[in-house]
C-alpha atoms as a PDB file:
ATOM      1  CA  MET A   1      -7.745 -11.007  13.372  1.00  0.00           C
ATOM      2  CA  GLU A   2      -5.366  -8.467  11.345  1.00  0.00           C
ATOM      3  CA  THR A   3      -3.911  -8.472   8.184  1.00  0.00           C
ATOM      4  CA  ARG A   4      -0.614  -6.577   7.626  1.00  0.00           C
ATOM      5  CA  VAL A   5      -0.398  -5.056   4.021  1.00  0.00           C
ATOM      6  CA  LEU A   6       3.121  -4.140   2.970  1.00  0.00           C
ATOM      7  CA  LEU A   7       2.738  -1.092   0.517  1.00  0.00           C
ATOM      8  CA  ARG A   8       5.594   0.193  -1.319  1.00  0.00           C
ATOM      9  CA  LEU A   9       5.392   2.908  -3.576  1.00  0.00           C
ATOM     10  CA  ARG A  10       7.496   3.534  -6.642  1.00  0.00           C
ATOM     11  CA  GLY A  11       8.096   5.894  -9.535  1.00  0.00           C
ATOM     12  CA  ALA A  12      10.519   6.213 -12.558  1.00  0.00           C
ATOM     13  CA  ASP A  13      10.854   9.794 -12.294  1.00  0.00           C
ATOM     14  CA  ASP A  14      10.657  10.278  -8.372  1.00  0.00           C
ATOM     15  CA  ASP A  15      13.408  11.484  -6.485  1.00  0.00           C
ATOM     16  CA  ALA A  16      13.481  10.508  -2.725  1.00  0.00           C
ATOM     17  CA  GLU A  17      12.049  13.801  -1.382  1.00  0.00           C
ATOM     18  CA  ARG A  18       8.981  13.852  -3.865  1.00  0.00           C
ATOM     19  CA  LEU A  19       8.488  10.212  -2.986  1.00  0.00           C
ATOM     20  CA  GLU A  20       8.771  11.130   0.902  1.00  0.00           C
ATOM     21  CA  LEU A  21       6.159  13.457   0.198  1.00  0.00           C
ATOM     22  CA  ALA A  22       3.930  11.299  -1.890  1.00  0.00           C
ATOM     23  CA  THR A  23       4.125   8.542   0.877  1.00  0.00           C
ATOM     24  CA  SER A  24       3.101  10.860   3.705  1.00  0.00           C
ATOM     25  CA  ALA A  25       0.205  12.037   1.664  1.00  0.00           C
ATOM     26  CA  LEU A  26      -0.948   8.881   0.867  1.00  0.00           C
ATOM     27  CA  ARG A  27      -0.678   7.821   4.829  1.00  0.00           C
ATOM     28  CA  GLU A  28      -2.710  10.910   5.649  1.00  0.00           C
ATOM     29  CA  GLU A  29      -5.441   9.528   3.324  1.00  0.00           C
ATOM     30  CA  LEU A  30      -5.124   5.799   4.569  1.00  0.00           C
ATOM     31  CA  LEU A  31      -5.383   6.735   8.176  1.00  0.00           C
ATOM     32  CA  GLU A  32      -8.832   8.043   7.168  1.00  0.00           C
ATOM     33  CA  LEU A  33      -9.893   4.606   6.159  1.00  0.00           C
ATOM     34  CA  ASP A  34     -11.145   1.810   8.302  1.00  0.00           C
ATOM     35  CA  VAL A  35      -7.703   0.701   9.290  1.00  0.00           C
ATOM     36  CA  GLU A  36      -5.769  -0.223  12.449  1.00  0.00           C
ATOM     37  CA  ARG A  37      -2.451   1.278  11.876  1.00  0.00           C
ATOM     38  CA  VAL A  38      -0.192   2.866   8.935  1.00  0.00           C
ATOM     39  CA  ASP A  39       3.169   2.390   9.991  1.00  0.00           C
ATOM     40  CA  ALA A  40       6.396   3.591   8.226  1.00  0.00           C
ATOM     41  CA  VAL A  41       8.643   0.724   7.069  1.00  0.00           C
ATOM     42  CA  SER A  42      11.813   0.444   8.592  1.00  0.00           C
ATOM     43  CA  ALA A  43      14.820   0.227   6.418  1.00  0.00           C
ATOM     44  CA  GLY A  44      17.293  -1.159   9.104  1.00  0.00           C
ATOM     45  CA  PRO A  45      19.304   0.483  11.567  1.00  0.00           C
ATOM     46  CA  ALA A  46      20.453   4.216  11.363  1.00  0.00           C
ATOM     47  CA  PRO A  47      23.782   5.164  10.800  1.00  0.00           C
ATOM     48  CA  ASP A  48      26.169   5.218  13.917  1.00  0.00           C
ATOM     49  CA  GLY A  49      26.009   8.525  15.571  1.00  0.00           C
ATOM     50  CA  SER A  50      22.841   9.567  14.510  1.00  0.00           C
ATOM     51  CA  ARG A  51      19.763   9.985  16.909  1.00  0.00           C
ATOM     52  CA  ALA A  52      17.494   7.925  15.266  1.00  0.00           C
ATOM     53  CA  LEU A  53      16.843   4.369  16.287  1.00  0.00           C
ATOM     54  CA  ASP A  54      16.213   3.143  12.803  1.00  0.00           C
ATOM     55  CA  VAL A  55      15.533   4.771   9.035  1.00  0.00           C
ATOM     56  CA  ALA A  56      12.434   4.524   7.508  1.00  0.00           C
ATOM     57  CA  GLU A  57      12.466   3.220   4.044  1.00  0.00           C
ATOM     58  CA  ILE A  58      11.161   5.853   1.604  1.00  0.00           C
ATOM     59  CA  GLY A  59       7.956   4.748  -0.027  1.00  0.00           C
ATOM     60  CA  GLY A  60       7.335   1.843   2.192  1.00  0.00           C
ATOM     61  CA  LEU A  61       4.039   1.598   4.222  1.00  0.00           C
ATOM     62  CA  LEU A  62       2.711  -1.215   6.649  1.00  0.00           C
ATOM     63  CA  VAL A  63      -0.769  -1.021   6.630  1.00  0.00           C
ATOM     64  CA  THR A  64      -2.742  -3.215   9.298  1.00  0.00           C
ATOM     65  CA  VAL A  65      -6.565  -3.717   8.527  1.00  0.00           C
ATOM     66  CA  ALA A  66      -9.322  -5.878  10.261  1.00  0.00           C
ATOM     67  CA  GLN A  67      -9.499  -9.097   8.812  1.00  0.00           C
ATOM     68  CA  ALA A  68     -12.808  -8.044   6.753  1.00  0.00           C
ATOM     69  CA  PRO A  69     -12.866  -8.201   2.900  1.00  0.00           C
ATOM     70  CA  VAL A  70     -14.637  -4.640   2.929  1.00  0.00           C
ATOM     71  CA  ALA A  71     -11.345  -3.293   4.612  1.00  0.00           C
ATOM     72  CA  LEU A  72      -9.037  -4.847   2.288  1.00  0.00           C
ATOM     73  CA  HIS A  73     -11.053  -3.797  -0.759  1.00  0.00           C
ATOM     74  CA  GLU A  74     -10.993  -0.189   0.751  1.00  0.00           C
ATOM     75  CA  LEU A  75      -7.388  -0.122   1.093  1.00  0.00           C
ATOM     76  CA  VAL A  76      -6.546  -1.214  -2.633  1.00  0.00           C
ATOM     77  CA  THR A  77      -9.541   1.240  -3.946  1.00  0.00           C
ATOM     78  CA  ALA A  78      -8.033   4.273  -2.205  1.00  0.00           C
ATOM     79  CA  VAL A  79      -4.556   3.312  -3.155  1.00  0.00           C
ATOM     80  CA  ARG A  80      -5.994   2.999  -6.950  1.00  0.00           C
ATOM     81  CA  HIS A  81      -7.744   6.251  -7.024  1.00  0.00           C
ATOM     82  CA  TRP A  82      -4.543   8.074  -5.127  1.00  0.00           C
ATOM     83  CA  LEU A  83      -2.364   6.863  -7.812  1.00  0.00           C
ATOM     84  CA  ALA A  84      -4.876   7.881 -10.557  1.00  0.00           C
ATOM     85  CA  ARG A  85      -4.827  11.491  -9.024  1.00  0.00           C
ATOM     86  CA  SER A  86      -0.938  11.311  -8.368  1.00  0.00           C
ATOM     87  CA  THR A  87      -0.901  10.685 -12.254  1.00  0.00           C
ATOM     88  CA  ASP A  88      -2.992  13.207 -13.289  1.00  0.00           C
ATOM     89  CA  PHE A  89      -0.861  15.728 -11.470  1.00  0.00           C
ATOM     90  CA  GLY A  90       2.447  14.901 -13.335  1.00  0.00           C
ATOM     91  CA  ALA A  91       3.799  12.329 -10.884  1.00  0.00           C
ATOM     92  CA  GLY A  92       4.540  10.066 -14.256  1.00  0.00           C
ATOM     93  CA  ASP A  93       4.681   6.040 -13.915  1.00  0.00           C
ATOM     94  CA  ARG A  94       4.072   5.690 -10.322  1.00  0.00           C
ATOM     95  CA  THR A  95       3.115   2.506  -9.113  1.00  0.00           C
ATOM     96  CA  ALA A  96       2.127   0.734  -5.717  1.00  0.00           C
ATOM     97  CA  GLU A  97       2.887  -2.887  -4.690  1.00  0.00           C
ATOM     98  CA  LEU A  98       0.877  -4.282  -1.701  1.00  0.00           C
ATOM     99  CA  THR A  99       2.364  -7.711  -0.858  1.00  0.00           C
ATOM    100  CA  ILE A 100       0.215 -10.092   2.024  1.00  0.00           C
ATOM    101  CA  ASP A 101       2.225 -13.381   3.198  1.00  0.00           C
ATOM    102  CA  GLY A 102       4.444 -12.896   0.022  1.00  0.00           C
ATOM    103  CA  ASP A 103       1.651 -12.376  -2.550  1.00  0.00           C
ATOM    104  CA  THR A 104       2.076  -9.054  -4.260  1.00  0.00           C
ATOM    105  CA  LEU A 105      -0.214  -7.233  -6.172  1.00  0.00           C
ATOM    106  CA  LYS A 106       1.124  -4.369  -8.693  1.00  0.00           C
ATOM    107  CA  VAL A 107      -1.317  -1.745  -9.185  1.00  0.00           C
ATOM    108  CA  THR A 108      -0.139   0.153 -11.872  1.00  0.00           C
ATOM    109  CA  GLY A 109      -1.348   2.181 -15.263  1.00  0.00           C
ATOM    110  CA  VAL A 110      -2.990  -0.926 -17.163  1.00  0.00           C
ATOM    111  CA  SER A 111      -6.564  -0.454 -18.622  1.00  0.00           C
ATOM    112  CA  ALA A 112      -9.028  -0.182 -15.630  1.00  0.00           C
ATOM    113  CA  GLU A 113     -10.827  -3.431 -16.626  1.00  0.00           C
ATOM    114  CA  THR A 114      -7.466  -5.711 -16.551  1.00  0.00           C
ATOM    115  CA  GLN A 115      -6.674  -3.960 -12.948  1.00  0.00           C
ATOM    116  CA  ASP A 116     -10.203  -4.554 -11.934  1.00  0.00           C
ATOM    117  CA  ARG A 117      -9.725  -8.275 -12.720  1.00  0.00           C
ATOM    118  CA  ILE A 118      -6.222  -8.540 -11.064  1.00  0.00           C
ATOM    119  CA  VAL A 119      -7.012  -6.597  -8.209  1.00  0.00           C
ATOM    120  CA  ASP A 120     -10.392  -9.024  -7.649  1.00  0.00           C
ATOM    121  CA  ALA A 121      -8.304 -11.954  -7.844  1.00  0.00           C
ATOM    122  CA  TRP A 122      -5.819 -10.798  -5.310  1.00  0.00           C
ATOM    123  CA  LEU A 123      -8.689  -9.642  -2.936  1.00  0.00           C
ATOM    124  CA  ARG A 124     -10.426 -13.377  -3.402  1.00  0.00           C
ATOM    125  CA  ALA A 125      -6.892 -14.845  -2.107  1.00  0.00           C
ATOM    126  CA  HIS A 126      -6.598 -12.846   0.926  1.00  0.00           C
ATOM    127  CA  ALA A 127     -10.031 -12.205   2.005  1.00  0.00           C
ATOM    128  CA  PRO A 128     -11.905 -14.737   3.733  1.00  0.00           C
ATOM    129  CA  THR A 129     -15.599 -15.653   2.270  1.00  0.00           C
ATOM    130  CA  PRO A 130     -18.719 -16.761   4.651  1.00  0.00           C
ATOM    131  CA  SER A 131     -17.933 -20.272   3.880  1.00  0.00           C
ATOM    132  CA  GLU A 132     -14.155 -20.096   4.862  1.00  0.00           C
ATOM    133  CA  PRO A 133     -14.607 -17.833   8.006  1.00  0.00           C
ATOM    134  CA  GLY A 134     -10.656 -18.817   9.396  1.00  0.00           C
ATOM    135  CA  ARG A 135      -9.197 -17.959   5.758  1.00  0.00           C
ATOM    136  CA  GLY A 136      -6.759 -15.255   5.521  1.00  0.00           C
END
């Protein structure tokens, strides 16, 4: 079974072009993980008269992972590391929101200890344990 994670990047100082480049860079990193797919999120139909069928949401990715706690944990870890590196290179207060079935995890610049607790609780809510093989 697969889990679909909606990933949205946000930044206080990001203009659309920078956010699009950042999203593309993160997408390339995520494709190196054990994920099924990483797709752009649709922002709706393209304007009349354009050649595109729909328009991608800037900063949005839809990540499909196998229903495995390890794959989901790797995804969150990769996003956290990417955010840390982005901040180191002057990307400002960038955040990432990961959403599964309406439950959103916001990864931001809080202390590592606090973020670890938040991430662990979110992962437990969406990753089946050995005693709950059908959960997720």
